N, C-alpha and C. Protein backbone atom coordinates (compact mmCIF):
# COMPACT_ATOMS: atom_id res chain seq x y z
N MET A 1 29.31 -4.37 18.68
CA MET A 1 28.51 -2.89 19.86
C MET A 1 27.86 -2.46 17.92
N ASN A 2 27.82 -2.48 17.14
CA ASN A 2 27.21 -1.94 16.44
C ASN A 2 26.36 -2.83 16.08
N GLN A 3 26.45 -3.92 15.83
CA GLN A 3 25.32 -4.73 15.39
C GLN A 3 23.96 -4.72 16.44
N ASN A 4 24.56 -4.63 17.43
CA ASN A 4 24.28 -4.55 18.90
C ASN A 4 23.01 -3.25 18.97
N MET A 5 23.98 -2.23 18.54
CA MET A 5 22.62 -0.79 18.58
C MET A 5 21.92 -0.63 17.29
N ASN A 6 22.36 -1.61 16.16
CA ASN A 6 21.47 -1.92 15.09
C ASN A 6 19.82 -2.36 15.47
N ASN A 7 20.43 -3.27 16.09
CA ASN A 7 19.20 -4.46 16.67
C ASN A 7 18.54 -3.50 18.17
N ARG A 8 18.63 -2.42 19.10
CA ARG A 8 17.60 -1.73 18.89
C ARG A 8 17.22 -0.63 18.65
N ARG A 9 17.69 -0.46 16.87
CA ARG A 9 17.07 0.71 16.79
C ARG A 9 15.51 -0.11 16.06
N ASN A 10 14.83 0.96 16.21
CA ASN A 10 12.73 1.45 15.80
C ASN A 10 13.05 2.40 14.51
N TYR A 11 13.00 1.38 13.24
CA TYR A 11 13.62 2.09 11.82
C TYR A 11 11.23 2.60 11.68
N GLN A 12 11.24 1.75 11.91
CA GLN A 12 9.72 2.68 11.52
C GLN A 12 9.74 4.57 12.59
N LYS A 13 10.19 4.01 13.40
CA LYS A 13 9.58 5.54 14.08
C LYS A 13 10.59 6.44 13.44
N GLU A 14 12.02 5.72 13.28
CA GLU A 14 12.97 6.66 12.28
C GLU A 14 12.21 7.06 11.25
N LEU A 15 11.96 6.39 10.60
CA LEU A 15 10.25 6.60 9.38
C LEU A 15 10.03 7.38 9.27
N ASP A 16 9.16 7.76 10.74
CA ASP A 16 7.85 8.07 10.85
C ASP A 16 8.36 10.03 10.79
N GLY A 17 9.78 9.51 11.42
CA GLY A 17 10.15 11.30 11.62
C GLY A 17 10.55 11.40 10.56
N ILE A 18 11.12 10.23 9.97
CA ILE A 18 11.13 11.67 8.41
C ILE A 18 9.84 12.51 7.56
N LEU A 19 9.01 11.21 7.78
CA LEU A 19 7.46 11.63 7.32
C LEU A 19 7.30 13.70 8.09
N SER A 20 7.18 13.01 9.15
CA SER A 20 6.81 14.06 10.23
C SER A 20 7.64 16.12 9.75
N SER A 21 8.45 15.14 8.90
CA SER A 21 9.06 16.85 9.07
C SER A 21 8.80 17.64 7.26
N GLN A 22 7.94 16.50 6.87
CA GLN A 22 7.72 16.12 5.41
C GLN A 22 6.44 17.68 5.52
N THR A 23 6.90 18.68 4.48
CA THR A 23 5.30 19.62 4.26
C THR A 23 4.27 18.90 3.32
N SER A 24 3.99 19.49 3.64
CA SER A 24 2.36 18.95 1.83
C SER A 24 2.57 20.42 0.99
N GLY A 25 2.66 20.33 -0.52
CA GLY A 25 3.01 21.56 -1.28
C GLY A 25 2.34 21.05 -2.69
N HIS A 26 3.13 21.36 -3.77
CA HIS A 26 2.62 20.77 -4.93
C HIS A 26 3.21 19.31 -5.51
N VAL A 27 2.38 19.00 -6.23
CA VAL A 27 3.62 18.03 -6.80
C VAL A 27 4.80 17.86 -6.84
N GLU A 28 4.86 18.73 -7.30
CA GLU A 28 6.58 19.26 -8.20
C GLU A 28 7.47 19.70 -7.43
N GLN A 29 6.93 19.68 -6.21
CA GLN A 29 8.06 20.03 -4.64
C GLN A 29 7.77 18.17 -3.95
N THR A 30 7.06 17.64 -4.07
CA THR A 30 6.97 16.44 -3.07
C THR A 30 7.81 15.38 -4.11
N PRO A 31 9.31 15.38 -2.88
CA PRO A 31 10.48 14.07 -2.88
C PRO A 31 9.83 13.27 -3.93
N THR A 32 10.88 12.87 -4.48
CA THR A 32 10.51 11.10 -4.95
C THR A 32 11.46 9.61 -4.56
N LEU A 33 11.25 8.32 -5.14
CA LEU A 33 10.66 7.46 -4.38
C LEU A 33 10.79 6.23 -5.35
N LEU A 34 11.70 5.81 -5.21
CA LEU A 34 12.63 4.62 -5.65
C LEU A 34 12.02 3.14 -5.12
N LEU A 35 10.67 2.31 -5.63
CA LEU A 35 10.54 2.68 -4.31
C LEU A 35 10.63 -0.02 -4.99
N HIS A 36 11.69 -0.24 -4.24
CA HIS A 36 12.01 -1.88 -4.85
C HIS A 36 10.66 -2.47 -3.97
N SER A 37 9.66 -3.10 -5.48
CA SER A 37 8.99 -4.24 -4.98
C SER A 37 8.88 -5.48 -5.04
N CYS A 38 8.76 -6.58 -3.78
CA CYS A 38 8.77 -7.45 -3.79
C CYS A 38 7.40 -8.06 -4.86
N CYS A 39 6.48 -7.52 -4.98
CA CYS A 39 5.51 -8.25 -5.15
C CYS A 39 4.71 -7.31 -4.29
N ALA A 40 2.81 -7.37 -5.34
CA ALA A 40 2.26 -6.84 -5.68
C ALA A 40 1.25 -7.14 -3.67
N PRO A 41 1.63 -8.09 -3.46
CA PRO A 41 1.38 -8.23 -1.77
C PRO A 41 1.60 -7.09 -1.23
N CYS A 42 2.59 -7.42 -0.84
CA CYS A 42 3.56 -6.73 -0.21
C CYS A 42 4.07 -5.28 0.15
N SER A 43 3.97 -4.61 -1.56
CA SER A 43 3.28 -3.25 -2.47
C SER A 43 2.36 -2.77 -1.63
N SER A 44 1.49 -3.37 -1.60
CA SER A 44 0.21 -2.31 -1.25
C SER A 44 0.09 -1.55 -0.11
N TYR A 45 0.32 -2.41 0.97
CA TYR A 45 0.41 -1.14 2.00
C TYR A 45 1.15 -0.29 2.08
N VAL A 46 2.08 -0.75 1.40
CA VAL A 46 3.22 -0.10 1.65
C VAL A 46 3.49 1.21 0.11
N LEU A 47 2.51 0.91 -0.58
CA LEU A 47 2.06 2.27 -1.20
C LEU A 47 1.07 2.96 -0.95
N GLU A 48 0.14 2.39 -0.74
CA GLU A 48 -1.48 3.27 0.67
C GLU A 48 -0.92 3.99 1.21
N TYR A 49 0.45 3.73 2.08
CA TYR A 49 0.76 3.99 3.13
C TYR A 49 2.10 5.60 2.75
N LEU A 50 2.92 5.46 1.38
CA LEU A 50 4.16 6.33 1.00
C LEU A 50 3.24 7.00 0.62
N SER A 51 2.06 7.07 -0.62
CA SER A 51 1.93 7.37 -1.69
C SER A 51 1.27 9.21 -1.47
N ASN A 52 0.83 9.27 0.36
CA ASN A 52 0.88 10.44 0.53
C ASN A 52 2.08 11.31 1.02
N TYR A 53 3.35 11.10 0.61
CA TYR A 53 4.28 11.31 1.20
C TYR A 53 5.40 11.68 0.16
N PHE A 54 5.06 10.94 -1.20
CA PHE A 54 6.26 11.05 -1.92
C PHE A 54 5.37 10.77 -2.67
N ARG A 55 6.39 10.80 -4.34
CA ARG A 55 6.21 10.78 -5.64
C ARG A 55 7.16 9.18 -6.46
N ILE A 56 6.06 7.97 -5.81
CA ILE A 56 6.72 7.25 -6.22
C ILE A 56 6.96 6.41 -7.70
N THR A 57 8.04 6.28 -7.50
CA THR A 57 7.78 4.85 -9.45
C THR A 57 9.07 3.55 -8.68
N VAL A 58 7.68 1.78 -8.55
CA VAL A 58 7.49 1.11 -8.17
C VAL A 58 8.80 0.37 -8.96
N PHE A 59 9.99 -0.12 -8.31
CA PHE A 59 11.14 -0.68 -9.40
C PHE A 59 10.88 -2.22 -9.42
N TYR A 60 10.62 -2.61 -9.91
CA TYR A 60 10.24 -4.10 -9.57
C TYR A 60 11.74 -4.79 -10.68
N TYR A 61 12.61 -5.01 -9.22
CA TYR A 61 13.66 -6.26 -10.08
C TYR A 61 13.85 -7.16 -8.99
N ASN A 62 13.75 -8.40 -10.19
CA ASN A 62 13.51 -9.67 -8.87
C ASN A 62 13.81 -10.58 -10.22
N PRO A 63 15.62 -10.78 -10.32
CA PRO A 63 15.70 -11.91 -10.45
C PRO A 63 15.82 -13.33 -10.17
N ASN A 64 15.63 -13.36 -8.72
CA ASN A 64 15.83 -14.51 -7.96
C ASN A 64 13.39 -15.25 -8.55
N ILE A 65 12.58 -15.11 -9.03
CA ILE A 65 11.30 -15.49 -9.12
C ILE A 65 11.41 -16.54 -10.19
N PHE A 66 11.15 -17.58 -10.03
CA PHE A 66 11.24 -18.96 -10.56
C PHE A 66 9.79 -19.51 -10.64
N PRO A 67 9.46 -20.49 -11.94
CA PRO A 67 9.69 -19.82 -12.83
C PRO A 67 10.21 -18.86 -13.52
N GLU A 68 10.03 -18.61 -15.23
CA GLU A 68 9.62 -17.27 -15.68
C GLU A 68 7.98 -17.25 -15.75
N SER A 69 7.04 -18.22 -15.21
CA SER A 69 5.70 -17.93 -15.13
C SER A 69 5.09 -17.42 -14.71
N GLU A 70 6.16 -17.96 -13.07
CA GLU A 70 5.86 -16.92 -11.93
C GLU A 70 6.15 -15.41 -11.77
N TYR A 71 7.67 -14.76 -12.20
CA TYR A 71 7.47 -13.52 -12.51
C TYR A 71 6.35 -12.92 -13.56
N ALA A 72 6.37 -13.93 -14.57
CA ALA A 72 5.28 -12.76 -15.28
C ALA A 72 4.32 -12.52 -14.64
N HIS A 73 3.33 -13.49 -13.95
CA HIS A 73 2.31 -13.23 -12.95
C HIS A 73 2.46 -11.63 -11.96
N ARG A 74 3.88 -12.28 -11.57
CA ARG A 74 3.58 -11.58 -10.26
C ARG A 74 4.07 -10.03 -10.77
N VAL A 75 5.19 -9.71 -11.83
CA VAL A 75 5.01 -8.44 -12.19
C VAL A 75 3.21 -7.43 -13.14
N GLU A 76 2.54 -8.79 -13.20
CA GLU A 76 1.25 -8.44 -13.97
C GLU A 76 0.20 -7.64 -12.78
N GLU A 77 0.33 -9.13 -11.64
CA GLU A 77 -0.20 -7.55 -10.54
C GLU A 77 0.43 -6.65 -10.28
N GLN A 78 1.24 -6.42 -9.98
CA GLN A 78 2.12 -5.75 -9.53
C GLN A 78 1.87 -3.83 -10.56
N LYS A 79 1.66 -4.27 -11.97
CA LYS A 79 1.34 -3.39 -12.96
C LYS A 79 -0.66 -3.07 -12.18
N ARG A 80 -1.31 -4.67 -12.24
CA ARG A 80 -2.55 -4.46 -11.93
C ARG A 80 -2.66 -3.64 -10.82
N LEU A 81 -2.50 -3.41 -9.82
CA LEU A 81 -2.63 -3.24 -8.29
C LEU A 81 -1.82 -1.73 -8.67
N ILE A 82 -1.92 -0.90 -8.79
CA ILE A 82 -1.11 0.18 -8.71
C ILE A 82 -2.15 0.96 -10.33
N ALA A 83 -2.25 0.21 -11.19
CA ALA A 83 -3.72 0.79 -12.06
C ALA A 83 -4.98 0.68 -11.47
N SER A 84 -5.40 -0.13 -10.21
CA SER A 84 -6.60 0.35 -9.90
C SER A 84 -6.35 0.48 -8.23
N MET A 85 -5.40 0.83 -7.83
CA MET A 85 -5.34 1.99 -6.08
C MET A 85 -5.47 3.18 -6.68
N PRO A 86 -6.33 3.83 -5.93
CA PRO A 86 -5.87 6.00 -5.82
C PRO A 86 -4.74 6.09 -5.04
N PHE A 87 -4.53 7.54 -5.61
CA PHE A 87 -3.05 7.62 -4.93
C PHE A 87 -2.99 8.97 -4.64
N GLN A 88 -2.67 10.10 -3.81
CA GLN A 88 -3.01 11.22 -3.87
C GLN A 88 -1.48 11.68 -4.56
N TYR A 89 -0.16 10.84 -4.86
CA TYR A 89 0.20 11.41 -5.49
C TYR A 89 1.02 10.47 -6.48
N PRO A 90 1.49 10.34 -7.43
CA PRO A 90 1.25 9.74 -8.51
C PRO A 90 2.29 8.54 -8.49
N VAL A 91 2.04 7.20 -8.82
CA VAL A 91 2.31 6.09 -9.24
C VAL A 91 2.90 5.42 -10.15
N LYS A 92 4.40 5.56 -10.70
CA LYS A 92 4.75 4.80 -12.04
C LYS A 92 5.32 3.65 -11.65
N VAL A 93 5.49 2.15 -12.41
CA VAL A 93 6.85 1.66 -12.27
C VAL A 93 6.97 1.46 -13.81
N LEU A 94 8.51 1.12 -13.25
CA LEU A 94 9.66 0.36 -13.33
C LEU A 94 10.05 -0.82 -13.30
N GLU A 95 9.90 -2.08 -15.16
CA GLU A 95 10.41 -2.93 -14.39
C GLU A 95 11.63 -3.38 -14.37
N GLY A 96 12.32 -3.47 -13.94
CA GLY A 96 13.44 -4.34 -14.50
C GLY A 96 14.40 -5.22 -15.38
N ARG A 97 15.21 -5.84 -15.54
CA ARG A 97 15.91 -6.66 -16.69
C ARG A 97 15.06 -8.22 -15.52
N PHE A 98 14.98 -8.95 -16.46
CA PHE A 98 14.72 -9.99 -15.78
C PHE A 98 15.65 -11.28 -15.58
N GLU A 99 16.68 -11.53 -15.24
CA GLU A 99 18.21 -12.53 -15.93
C GLU A 99 18.19 -12.53 -14.97
N PRO A 100 17.63 -14.60 -14.59
CA PRO A 100 17.77 -15.10 -13.63
C PRO A 100 19.36 -15.60 -13.29
N GLN A 101 19.91 -15.99 -13.86
CA GLN A 101 21.28 -15.84 -14.13
C GLN A 101 22.09 -15.23 -12.98
N GLU A 102 21.83 -13.49 -13.06
CA GLU A 102 22.10 -12.69 -11.64
C GLU A 102 22.28 -12.98 -10.95
N TYR A 103 21.34 -13.37 -10.69
CA TYR A 103 20.83 -14.22 -8.86
C TYR A 103 21.54 -15.27 -8.66
N TYR A 104 21.47 -15.89 -9.81
CA TYR A 104 22.59 -17.51 -9.40
C TYR A 104 23.65 -17.30 -9.56
N ASP A 105 24.54 -16.19 -9.46
CA ASP A 105 26.66 -15.63 -9.57
C ASP A 105 25.91 -15.23 -7.88
N ALA A 106 25.15 -15.11 -7.36
CA ALA A 106 25.19 -13.99 -6.86
C ALA A 106 25.69 -14.62 -5.32
N VAL A 107 24.36 -15.96 -5.67
CA VAL A 107 24.50 -16.83 -4.54
C VAL A 107 25.19 -18.30 -5.08
N ARG A 108 25.72 -18.14 -5.11
CA ARG A 108 26.47 -19.43 -5.97
C ARG A 108 27.42 -20.12 -4.28
N GLY A 109 27.58 -21.47 -4.49
CA GLY A 109 27.62 -21.04 -3.00
C GLY A 109 27.02 -21.21 -1.91
N LEU A 110 25.99 -20.39 -1.96
CA LEU A 110 24.59 -20.25 -0.58
C LEU A 110 24.07 -21.08 -1.17
N GLU A 111 23.36 -21.95 -1.69
CA GLU A 111 22.46 -22.97 -2.35
C GLU A 111 22.02 -23.35 -1.38
N HIS A 112 22.27 -23.96 -0.24
CA HIS A 112 21.99 -25.99 0.29
C HIS A 112 21.52 -24.02 1.48
N ILE A 113 21.70 -23.28 2.68
CA ILE A 113 21.70 -22.71 3.41
C ILE A 113 20.13 -21.86 3.28
N PRO A 114 19.81 -22.58 4.20
CA PRO A 114 18.36 -21.98 4.91
C PRO A 114 17.93 -21.02 4.42
N GLU A 115 16.54 -21.16 3.41
CA GLU A 115 15.95 -19.46 4.17
C GLU A 115 16.26 -18.75 5.08
N GLY A 116 16.37 -17.59 5.06
CA GLY A 116 16.52 -16.56 6.06
C GLY A 116 17.93 -16.61 5.71
N GLY A 117 18.62 -17.59 5.65
CA GLY A 117 20.52 -16.94 6.10
C GLY A 117 21.06 -16.44 5.12
N GLU A 118 22.50 -16.45 4.88
CA GLU A 118 23.52 -15.70 4.17
C GLU A 118 22.80 -15.98 2.77
N ARG A 119 21.53 -16.52 2.53
CA ARG A 119 22.04 -16.92 0.98
C ARG A 119 20.50 -16.02 0.72
N CYS A 120 19.38 -15.56 1.63
CA CYS A 120 18.83 -14.73 1.46
C CYS A 120 19.51 -13.44 1.54
N HIS A 121 19.94 -12.88 2.38
CA HIS A 121 20.97 -11.77 2.14
C HIS A 121 21.76 -11.28 0.97
N ALA A 122 22.47 -12.15 0.47
CA ALA A 122 23.07 -12.18 -0.76
C ALA A 122 21.63 -11.34 -2.07
N CYS A 123 20.71 -12.29 -1.59
CA CYS A 123 19.75 -11.70 -2.51
C CYS A 123 19.29 -10.73 -2.38
N PHE A 124 19.11 -10.24 -1.67
CA PHE A 124 18.91 -8.61 -0.48
C PHE A 124 20.07 -7.98 -1.31
N ARG A 125 20.60 -7.58 -1.07
CA ARG A 125 22.08 -7.18 -2.03
C ARG A 125 21.40 -7.01 -3.14
N LEU A 126 21.18 -7.86 -3.61
CA LEU A 126 21.22 -7.72 -5.32
C LEU A 126 20.67 -7.27 -6.23
N ARG A 127 18.99 -7.34 -5.41
CA ARG A 127 18.30 -6.10 -5.58
C ARG A 127 18.03 -5.03 -5.47
N LEU A 128 18.57 -4.99 -4.11
CA LEU A 128 18.53 -3.29 -3.53
C LEU A 128 20.12 -2.60 -4.08
N GLU A 129 20.97 -3.65 -4.84
CA GLU A 129 21.82 -2.15 -4.89
C GLU A 129 21.81 -2.27 -6.85
N GLU A 130 20.87 -3.25 -7.41
CA GLU A 130 20.19 -2.37 -8.63
C GLU A 130 18.89 -0.80 -8.65
N THR A 131 18.44 -1.75 -7.27
CA THR A 131 17.62 -0.73 -6.74
C THR A 131 18.64 1.58 -6.96
N ALA A 132 19.46 0.80 -5.64
CA ALA A 132 20.54 2.18 -5.45
C ALA A 132 20.95 2.87 -6.97
N LYS A 133 21.23 1.32 -7.78
CA LYS A 133 22.23 2.39 -9.50
C LYS A 133 21.41 2.81 -10.64
N THR A 134 19.51 1.79 -10.37
CA THR A 134 18.90 3.22 -10.94
C THR A 134 18.18 4.39 -9.99
N ALA A 135 18.58 4.59 -8.94
CA ALA A 135 17.45 5.44 -8.16
C ALA A 135 19.06 6.85 -8.41
N ALA A 136 20.30 6.03 -8.34
CA ALA A 136 21.48 7.12 -8.92
C ALA A 136 21.60 8.00 -10.02
N ALA A 137 20.61 7.10 -11.02
CA ALA A 137 20.81 6.98 -12.27
C ALA A 137 19.47 8.32 -12.41
N GLY A 138 18.81 7.82 -11.53
CA GLY A 138 17.27 8.71 -12.60
C GLY A 138 17.42 10.08 -11.09
N ASN A 139 17.82 10.32 -9.88
CA ASN A 139 18.20 11.94 -9.38
C ASN A 139 16.87 11.00 -8.88
N PHE A 140 16.76 9.75 -8.22
CA PHE A 140 15.74 10.21 -6.78
C PHE A 140 16.42 10.96 -5.37
N ASP A 141 14.86 11.16 -4.26
CA ASP A 141 15.26 11.56 -3.37
C ASP A 141 15.76 10.68 -2.48
N TYR A 142 15.17 9.72 -2.26
CA TYR A 142 14.79 8.42 -1.95
C TYR A 142 14.71 7.00 -2.13
N PHE A 143 15.59 6.12 -1.05
CA PHE A 143 15.28 4.73 -2.30
C PHE A 143 14.97 4.19 -0.99
N THR A 144 14.51 3.06 -0.77
CA THR A 144 13.98 1.88 -0.17
C THR A 144 13.47 0.50 -0.78
N THR A 145 12.90 0.05 0.09
CA THR A 145 12.45 -2.03 -0.68
C THR A 145 11.03 -2.43 0.55
N THR A 146 10.07 -2.35 0.12
CA THR A 146 8.93 -3.31 0.32
C THR A 146 8.95 -4.31 1.34
N LEU A 147 10.34 -5.19 0.94
CA LEU A 147 10.71 -6.24 1.74
C LEU A 147 10.37 -6.46 2.98
N THR A 148 10.64 -5.26 4.52
CA THR A 148 10.60 -4.98 5.47
C THR A 148 9.61 -5.92 5.97
N ILE A 149 8.42 -5.30 4.67
CA ILE A 149 6.81 -5.65 5.15
C ILE A 149 6.48 -7.29 5.84
N SER A 150 7.76 -7.92 5.01
CA SER A 150 7.22 -9.59 5.83
C SER A 150 7.86 -10.19 6.64
N PRO A 151 7.24 -11.04 7.65
CA PRO A 151 7.41 -11.57 8.67
C PRO A 151 8.59 -12.24 9.15
N LEU A 152 8.67 -12.75 7.37
CA LEU A 152 9.70 -14.00 7.51
C LEU A 152 11.21 -12.74 7.35
N LYS A 153 10.78 -11.61 7.52
CA LYS A 153 12.56 -11.47 6.63
C LYS A 153 13.16 -10.42 7.84
N ASN A 154 14.46 -10.21 7.27
CA ASN A 154 15.01 -9.49 7.71
C ASN A 154 15.13 -7.88 7.76
N ALA A 155 14.56 -7.15 8.64
CA ALA A 155 14.22 -5.82 8.83
C ALA A 155 15.32 -5.50 8.70
N THR A 156 16.45 -6.12 10.21
CA THR A 156 17.58 -4.86 10.43
C THR A 156 18.50 -5.40 9.58
N LYS A 157 18.70 -6.16 8.59
CA LYS A 157 19.16 -6.67 7.74
C LYS A 157 19.41 -5.90 6.74
N LEU A 158 18.17 -5.54 6.12
CA LEU A 158 17.66 -5.28 4.77
C LEU A 158 17.89 -3.47 5.38
N ASN A 159 17.71 -3.06 6.49
CA ASN A 159 18.14 -1.29 5.97
C ASN A 159 19.97 -1.33 6.57
N GLU A 160 20.62 -2.33 6.99
CA GLU A 160 22.24 -2.59 6.72
C GLU A 160 22.21 -2.00 5.95
N ILE A 161 21.70 -2.82 5.26
CA ILE A 161 22.47 -2.88 3.40
C ILE A 161 22.02 -1.84 2.85
N GLY A 162 21.16 -1.70 2.92
CA GLY A 162 20.17 -0.30 2.63
C GLY A 162 21.02 1.51 2.90
N GLU A 163 21.29 1.07 3.90
CA GLU A 163 22.29 2.06 4.20
C GLU A 163 23.43 2.28 3.58
N GLU A 164 24.04 1.29 3.45
CA GLU A 164 25.64 0.73 3.21
C GLU A 164 25.18 1.19 1.30
N LEU A 165 24.24 0.79 0.74
CA LEU A 165 24.40 1.67 -0.33
C LEU A 165 23.92 2.98 -0.46
N GLY A 166 23.34 3.69 0.02
CA GLY A 166 22.94 4.76 0.24
C GLY A 166 24.35 5.72 0.26
N GLU A 167 25.39 5.21 0.89
CA GLU A 167 26.42 5.67 1.19
C GLU A 167 27.14 6.00 -0.18
N LYS A 168 27.34 4.36 -0.68
CA LYS A 168 28.00 3.90 -1.49
C LYS A 168 27.90 4.90 -2.81
N TYR A 169 26.33 5.46 -3.13
CA TYR A 169 26.10 5.71 -3.95
C TYR A 169 25.07 6.92 -4.03
N HIS A 170 25.27 7.47 -2.61
CA HIS A 170 25.20 9.27 -2.47
C HIS A 170 23.94 9.24 -3.14
N LEU A 171 22.97 8.19 -1.89
CA LEU A 171 21.79 8.40 -1.97
C LEU A 171 21.26 8.28 -0.71
N LYS A 172 19.91 8.60 -0.45
CA LYS A 172 19.87 8.47 1.19
C LYS A 172 18.48 7.44 0.93
N TRP A 173 18.27 6.97 2.17
CA TRP A 173 17.72 6.01 1.85
C TRP A 173 16.67 5.36 3.18
N LEU A 174 15.58 5.37 2.74
CA LEU A 174 14.44 5.38 3.49
C LEU A 174 14.31 4.38 4.53
N PRO A 175 14.55 4.60 5.79
CA PRO A 175 14.62 3.82 7.07
C PRO A 175 13.29 2.98 7.12
N SER A 176 13.11 1.04 7.03
CA SER A 176 10.98 1.05 7.33
C SER A 176 11.58 -0.55 8.49
N ASP A 177 10.54 -0.27 8.84
CA ASP A 177 9.68 -1.91 9.18
C ASP A 177 8.29 -2.28 8.94
N PHE A 178 8.23 -2.18 7.44
CA PHE A 178 7.00 -1.83 7.47
C PHE A 178 5.96 -2.74 7.71
N LYS A 179 6.45 -4.05 8.79
CA LYS A 179 5.25 -5.13 9.22
C LYS A 179 5.13 -4.06 10.02
N LYS A 180 5.33 -3.27 10.69
CA LYS A 180 4.79 -2.37 12.12
C LYS A 180 3.72 -2.25 11.78
N LYS A 181 3.23 -1.44 12.68
CA LYS A 181 1.53 -0.36 12.58
C LYS A 181 1.19 -1.79 12.20
N ASN A 182 0.73 -2.09 12.49
CA ASN A 182 -0.20 -4.02 11.67
C ASN A 182 -0.34 -3.34 10.30
N GLY A 183 1.59 -3.13 9.45
CA GLY A 183 1.39 -3.27 8.42
C GLY A 183 1.31 -4.32 7.55
N TYR A 184 1.66 -5.68 7.84
CA TYR A 184 1.46 -6.74 7.71
C TYR A 184 0.23 -7.21 7.30
N LYS A 185 -0.54 -6.68 8.13
CA LYS A 185 -2.24 -7.02 7.84
C LYS A 185 -2.48 -6.27 7.04
N ARG A 186 -2.56 -4.85 7.53
CA ARG A 186 -2.91 -4.15 6.32
C ARG A 186 -3.01 -5.15 5.20
N SER A 187 -1.27 -5.03 4.66
CA SER A 187 -1.41 -5.60 3.44
C SER A 187 -2.23 -7.23 2.76
N ILE A 188 -2.44 -7.40 3.71
CA ILE A 188 -3.37 -8.76 3.65
C ILE A 188 -4.66 -8.34 3.47
N GLU A 189 -5.70 -7.26 4.24
CA GLU A 189 -6.57 -6.41 3.86
C GLU A 189 -6.68 -6.48 2.37
N LEU A 190 -5.96 -5.69 1.94
CA LEU A 190 -5.30 -4.88 0.93
C LEU A 190 -5.78 -6.02 -0.39
N SER A 191 -4.98 -7.26 0.21
CA SER A 191 -4.83 -7.97 -1.44
C SER A 191 -5.56 -8.72 -1.72
N ALA A 192 -6.82 -8.85 -0.18
CA ALA A 192 -9.10 -9.21 -0.43
C ALA A 192 -9.49 -8.93 -0.60
N GLN A 193 -8.21 -7.39 -0.55
CA GLN A 193 -9.90 -6.37 -2.02
C GLN A 193 -9.52 -6.23 -4.07
N TYR A 194 -7.90 -6.63 -3.75
CA TYR A 194 -8.48 -5.99 -4.79
C TYR A 194 -7.57 -7.33 -5.70
N ASP A 195 -8.14 -8.41 -4.45
CA ASP A 195 -8.09 -9.73 -5.22
C ASP A 195 -6.94 -10.34 -5.72
N LEU A 196 -5.93 -9.58 -5.12
CA LEU A 196 -4.26 -9.88 -5.41
C LEU A 196 -4.09 -11.14 -5.49
N TYR A 197 -2.94 -11.72 -6.12
CA TYR A 197 -2.39 -13.36 -5.78
C TYR A 197 -1.27 -13.20 -4.60
N ARG A 198 -1.24 -14.23 -4.00
CA ARG A 198 -0.74 -14.18 -2.92
C ARG A 198 0.20 -15.70 -3.17
N GLN A 199 0.97 -15.55 -3.55
CA GLN A 199 1.97 -16.84 -3.71
C GLN A 199 2.61 -18.08 -2.28
N ASP A 200 2.93 -18.76 -2.84
CA ASP A 200 2.29 -19.69 -1.10
C ASP A 200 4.67 -19.20 -0.85
N TYR A 201 5.77 -19.36 -1.58
CA TYR A 201 7.00 -19.33 -1.08
C TYR A 201 7.13 -18.18 -1.70
N CYS A 202 8.56 -17.43 -1.34
CA CYS A 202 9.18 -16.24 -1.50
C CYS A 202 9.32 -16.32 -3.29
N GLY A 203 10.05 -17.19 -3.31
CA GLY A 203 9.98 -16.70 -5.08
C GLY A 203 11.10 -17.77 -5.86
N CYS A 204 12.51 -18.13 -5.26
CA CYS A 204 13.59 -18.48 -5.90
C CYS A 204 13.25 -20.07 -5.96
N VAL A 205 14.10 -20.59 -6.64
CA VAL A 205 14.20 -22.04 -6.80
C VAL A 205 13.99 -22.71 -5.21
N PHE A 206 15.58 -22.50 -5.12
CA PHE A 206 15.16 -23.30 -3.32
C PHE A 206 13.78 -23.09 -2.63
N SER A 207 13.37 -21.53 -2.23
CA SER A 207 12.49 -21.97 -1.03
C SER A 207 11.02 -22.47 -1.93
N LYS A 208 11.18 -23.20 -3.05
CA LYS A 208 10.14 -23.33 -3.58
C LYS A 208 10.55 -24.47 -2.99
N GLN A 209 11.31 -24.98 -3.96
CA GLN A 209 11.81 -26.56 -2.70
C GLN A 209 11.78 -26.68 -1.17
N GLU A 210 12.02 -25.73 -0.37
CA GLU A 210 11.98 -26.08 0.52
C GLU A 210 10.61 -25.50 1.18
N ARG A 211 9.24 -24.95 0.24
CA ARG A 211 7.82 -25.18 0.95
C ARG A 211 7.45 -26.81 0.02
N ALA A 212 7.50 -27.13 -0.79
CA ALA A 212 7.77 -28.45 -1.50
C ALA A 212 7.29 -29.99 -0.43
N ALA A 213 9.05 -29.10 -0.01
CA ALA A 213 9.39 -29.98 0.94
C ALA A 213 8.92 -30.11 2.27
N ARG A 214 8.17 -29.15 3.14
CA ARG A 214 7.40 -29.29 3.52
C ARG A 214 6.35 -29.78 4.16
């Protein structure tokens, strides 16, 4: 029953409701958001959209990315984008640990499950739990992730994990389905505008292998 109810939820509508209840004011009165980002292209629209409502810190925690040179390229693109884009409220970046063994430990036994299944869900949980811990330690008002912008990512599962972790760490999870309202299309436009590197695989060694096989 709960799963069916979640499938009927409109996370974009829920986000709109939260944003509409906020009143503009001084920077100090603007709520803070720790935004987990998977990459610069996916974050572009989310930052354009949410920086009108929050003081955002982009949290770049992605130990799943393979190889290390790919990680270095993606994190530098994230920093370059933030330095280039105009924002109503200030946006900062916080780089998390890059310890790939954390990812391999999280997905042990799930290596051969195709992309989009339980292996990806375990990866979501790893990255979102670290985001929640960091948000709690930093007293952020909200936390969320850019991952729901991708048409290939399960927004329902991401929101379920985020809400569960919000309860665990006593935080407010910001619901989202950023692909809605042409969010994914806008991210492509912004990627072209800022000449962003758009990778052709999700990030992990397994998605790279699947891409090569296809």
